[in-house]
Amino acid sequence: MIRALYDWTIGLAAHPHALWALAIVAFVESSVFPIPPDVLMIPMIIARPRRAWIVAAVATIASVLGGLAGYAIGAFAFEQIGRPVLEFYGKDGNFDLFAARYNAYGAWAVLVAGITPFPFKVITILSGTTALSLPVFIVASVIARGLRFFLVAGLLRVFGAPIREFIERRLNLVFTLFCILLIGGFLLVRYL
C-alpha cells in the first residue's frame, strides 16, 4: 500500500496540474489544514529537479497567501473559526496572556513557525487575532516560508537522485519516520 501511494504521489508530481495541487495544499496548510505542503513538494522536485525553483516559488506564494487567510480568520472570525482551530492544537488556554505579549515578538514568532515544523496556521491566526502589524506579518512570512521551501528545493535539486534512490529502497522506513515526526510534532505542539 505504501509503495502504491508513493508511486501515485510521484506520478502526480509529474502531472500537468501538480503545481495547482501544491498551491492549494500550501494555501490551506497556512490557515487550517494540518498536512504540510512538503508532502507534495518533495516528490514533485524529485520527479523533476529542474523545476525545483518554480515549485518552491509556488509553495511560498500560496503559503503566504494562505497565511493572510489565517490572519483574516484571526482578525475577523476568531470566535467562530480561529478559536476551534486553536482548541484543536491545545493553544487556547493561555491565549489572553499570550496575546498581551505577542506583538512585541510577533515577527520572530512568524519567522520561527514559518521555518520549523510548528503549525504555521496557529501563528497566522494569532497574528490576526492580536492585530500584529500586517506589513510585519507579510515580510516575516515571505522570509520564513521562502527560506524553508527554497532550502528544501535547493537540497533536493542538488541531491535529488540519491535521495530518490534512498527513499525507494527504504520506503517503509522513510514513511514510518515521517509519520512519527508528524505525530510527534502535533503532540509537541499540543502539550507545550
Protein backbone atom coordinates (compact mmCIF):
# COMPACT_ATOMS: atom_id res chain seq x y z
CA MET A 1 0.00 0.00 0.00
CA ILE A 2 2.80 2.45 0.87
CA ARG A 3 4.55 1.67 -2.42
CA ALA A 4 1.35 2.34 -4.37
CA LEU A 5 0.80 5.64 -2.52
CA TYR A 6 4.40 6.67 -3.16
CA ASP A 7 4.16 5.77 -6.86
CA TRP A 8 0.86 7.67 -7.13
CA THR A 9 2.39 10.75 -5.48
CA ILE A 10 5.43 10.63 -7.78
CA GLY A 11 3.02 10.25 -10.71
CA LEU A 12 1.00 13.26 -9.52
CA ALA A 13 4.22 15.22 -9.21
CA ALA A 14 4.71 14.84 -12.96
CA HIS A 15 1.06 15.61 -13.75
CA PRO A 16 0.39 18.91 -15.56
CA HIS A 17 -1.83 20.11 -12.68
CA ALA A 18 0.61 19.24 -9.88
CA LEU A 19 1.54 22.90 -9.30
CA TRP A 20 -2.14 23.74 -8.75
CA ALA A 21 -2.48 20.89 -6.25
CA LEU A 22 0.63 22.12 -4.45
CA ALA A 23 -0.71 25.69 -4.39
CA ILE A 24 -3.99 24.53 -2.86
CA VAL A 25 -2.26 22.39 -0.21
CA ALA A 26 0.21 25.20 0.66
CA PHE A 27 -2.61 27.74 0.89
CA VAL A 28 -4.89 25.73 3.18
CA GLU A 29 -1.98 24.45 5.31
CA SER A 30 -1.16 28.02 6.32
CA SER A 31 -4.66 28.70 7.60
CA VAL A 32 -6.45 25.50 8.69
CA PHE A 33 -5.12 22.24 7.17
CA PRO A 34 -2.74 20.01 9.20
CA ILE A 35 -0.76 18.42 6.32
CA PRO A 36 2.34 20.38 5.20
CA PRO A 37 2.96 21.11 1.50
CA ASP A 38 6.29 19.28 1.73
CA VAL A 39 4.37 16.01 1.29
CA LEU A 40 3.64 17.00 -2.32
CA MET A 41 6.56 19.35 -2.90
CA ILE A 42 9.31 16.80 -2.22
CA PRO A 43 8.16 14.18 -4.75
CA MET A 44 7.49 16.94 -7.30
CA ILE A 45 11.10 18.10 -7.08
CA ILE A 46 12.46 14.57 -7.02
CA ALA A 47 10.46 13.76 -10.16
CA ARG A 48 11.51 16.97 -11.98
CA PRO A 49 14.56 18.58 -10.33
CA ARG A 50 14.84 21.31 -13.00
CA ARG A 51 11.53 22.75 -11.75
CA ALA A 52 12.71 22.99 -8.12
CA TRP A 53 12.69 26.79 -8.04
CA ILE A 54 9.25 27.03 -9.63
CA VAL A 55 7.87 24.50 -7.14
CA ALA A 56 9.42 26.41 -4.23
CA ALA A 57 8.06 29.72 -5.55
CA VAL A 58 4.53 28.33 -5.91
CA ALA A 59 4.68 26.83 -2.39
CA THR A 60 5.98 30.12 -0.97
CA ILE A 61 3.44 32.38 -2.67
CA ALA A 62 0.49 30.10 -1.91
CA SER A 63 1.64 29.63 1.69
CA VAL A 64 1.94 33.39 2.28
CA LEU A 65 -1.50 33.95 0.73
CA GLY A 66 -2.86 31.17 2.97
CA GLY A 67 -1.15 32.87 5.89
CA LEU A 68 -3.08 36.02 5.03
CA ALA A 69 -6.28 33.95 5.11
CA GLY A 70 -5.26 32.68 8.55
CA TYR A 71 -4.58 36.27 9.62
CA ALA A 72 -8.07 37.23 8.39
CA ILE A 73 -9.59 34.32 10.35
CA GLY A 74 -7.90 35.61 13.46
CA ALA A 75 -8.86 39.21 12.81
CA PHE A 76 -12.46 38.77 11.67
CA ALA A 77 -13.66 35.31 12.65
CA PHE A 78 -11.65 34.29 15.68
CA GLU A 79 -14.55 33.12 17.83
CA GLN A 80 -16.28 31.22 15.01
CA ILE A 81 -13.26 29.68 13.24
CA GLY A 82 -9.99 30.65 14.91
CA ARG A 83 -10.72 29.51 18.46
CA PRO A 84 -11.80 25.97 17.38
CA VAL A 85 -8.56 25.60 15.37
CA LEU A 86 -6.52 26.74 18.37
CA GLU A 87 -8.51 24.39 20.65
CA PHE A 88 -7.68 21.52 18.29
CA TYR A 89 -3.98 22.26 18.79
CA GLY A 90 -4.44 22.88 22.53
CA LYS A 91 -3.31 26.51 22.26
CA ASP A 92 -6.39 28.36 23.56
CA GLY A 93 -5.86 28.07 27.35
CA ASN A 94 -3.21 30.77 27.79
CA PHE A 95 -4.41 32.91 24.94
CA ASP A 96 -5.08 36.12 26.88
CA LEU A 97 -1.63 36.14 28.46
CA PHE A 98 -0.05 35.21 25.16
CA ALA A 99 -1.93 37.93 23.24
CA ALA A 100 -0.72 40.61 25.65
CA ARG A 101 2.93 39.87 24.82
CA TYR A 102 2.63 38.56 21.30
CA ASN A 103 3.03 41.76 19.30
CA ALA A 104 6.37 42.56 20.92
CA TYR A 105 7.83 39.35 19.46
CA GLY A 106 5.33 38.62 16.69
CA ALA A 107 7.78 38.91 13.81
CA TRP A 108 10.07 36.36 15.47
CA ALA A 109 7.13 34.02 16.11
CA VAL A 110 6.15 34.19 12.43
CA LEU A 111 9.76 33.56 11.35
CA VAL A 112 10.23 30.57 13.67
CA ALA A 113 6.86 29.00 12.87
CA GLY A 114 7.32 29.59 9.15
CA ILE A 115 10.62 27.72 9.03
CA THR A 116 10.08 24.93 11.56
CA PRO A 117 7.51 22.11 11.66
CA PHE A 118 5.46 24.15 14.18
CA PRO A 119 1.95 24.53 12.69
CA PHE A 120 2.14 27.83 10.83
CA LYS A 121 -1.64 28.21 10.97
CA VAL A 122 -1.51 28.74 14.75
CA ILE A 123 0.77 31.75 14.28
CA THR A 124 -1.17 33.15 11.32
CA ILE A 125 -4.43 33.07 13.29
CA LEU A 126 -2.81 34.51 16.41
CA SER A 127 -1.22 37.27 14.36
CA GLY A 128 -4.64 38.35 13.10
CA THR A 129 -6.27 37.99 16.50
CA THR A 130 -3.65 40.12 18.23
CA ALA A 131 -3.53 42.62 15.33
CA LEU A 132 0.16 42.14 14.61
CA SER A 133 1.23 44.76 12.07
CA LEU A 134 0.17 43.41 8.68
CA PRO A 135 3.34 44.58 6.85
CA VAL A 136 5.49 42.95 9.56
CA PHE A 137 3.46 39.76 9.24
CA ILE A 138 3.78 39.69 5.43
CA VAL A 139 7.53 40.37 5.39
CA ALA A 140 8.22 37.76 8.10
CA SER A 141 6.01 35.22 6.28
CA VAL A 142 7.74 35.75 2.93
CA ILE A 143 11.19 35.40 4.51
CA ALA A 144 10.30 32.35 6.61
CA ARG A 145 8.30 30.39 4.04
CA GLY A 146 10.69 31.32 1.23
CA LEU A 147 13.68 30.20 3.27
CA ARG A 148 12.02 26.92 4.18
CA PHE A 149 10.76 25.99 0.71
CA PHE A 150 13.77 27.24 -1.26
CA LEU A 151 16.19 25.46 1.09
CA VAL A 152 14.30 22.18 0.62
CA ALA A 153 14.16 22.78 -3.14
CA GLY A 154 17.89 23.52 -3.31
CA LEU A 155 18.83 20.41 -1.35
CA LEU A 156 16.56 18.22 -3.44
CA ARG A 157 17.80 19.77 -6.69
CA VAL A 158 21.41 19.07 -5.74
CA PHE A 159 20.93 15.67 -4.07
CA GLY A 160 17.66 14.57 -5.74
CA ALA A 161 18.73 11.34 -7.44
CA PRO A 162 20.49 9.81 -4.41
CA ILE A 163 17.63 10.88 -2.15
CA ARG A 164 15.10 9.32 -4.51
CA GLU A 165 17.07 6.05 -4.60
CA PHE A 166 17.35 6.09 -0.79
CA ILE A 167 13.61 6.69 -0.42
CA GLU A 168 12.67 4.00 -2.91
CA ARG A 169 14.95 1.38 -1.30
CA ARG A 170 13.82 2.25 2.24
CA LEU A 171 10.26 3.42 1.57
CA ASN A 172 8.68 1.74 4.61
CA LEU A 173 11.35 3.13 6.93
CA VAL A 174 11.06 6.65 5.47
CA PHE A 175 7.26 6.55 5.69
CA THR A 176 7.38 5.31 9.30
CA LEU A 177 9.86 8.03 10.30
CA PHE A 178 7.75 10.68 8.55
CA CYS A 179 4.62 9.54 10.44
CA ILE A 180 6.49 9.50 13.76
CA LEU A 181 7.81 13.03 13.14
CA LEU A 182 4.39 14.28 12.04
CA ILE A 183 2.57 12.82 15.05
CA GLY A 184 5.40 13.87 17.37
CA GLY A 185 5.18 17.42 16.07
CA PHE A 186 1.44 17.57 16.75
CA LEU A 187 1.91 16.12 20.25
CA LEU A 188 4.72 18.56 20.96
CA VAL A 189 2.54 21.50 19.89
CA ARG A 190 -0.43 20.22 21.86
CA TYR A 191 1.46 19.82 25.16
CA LEU A 192 3.78 22.85 25.04
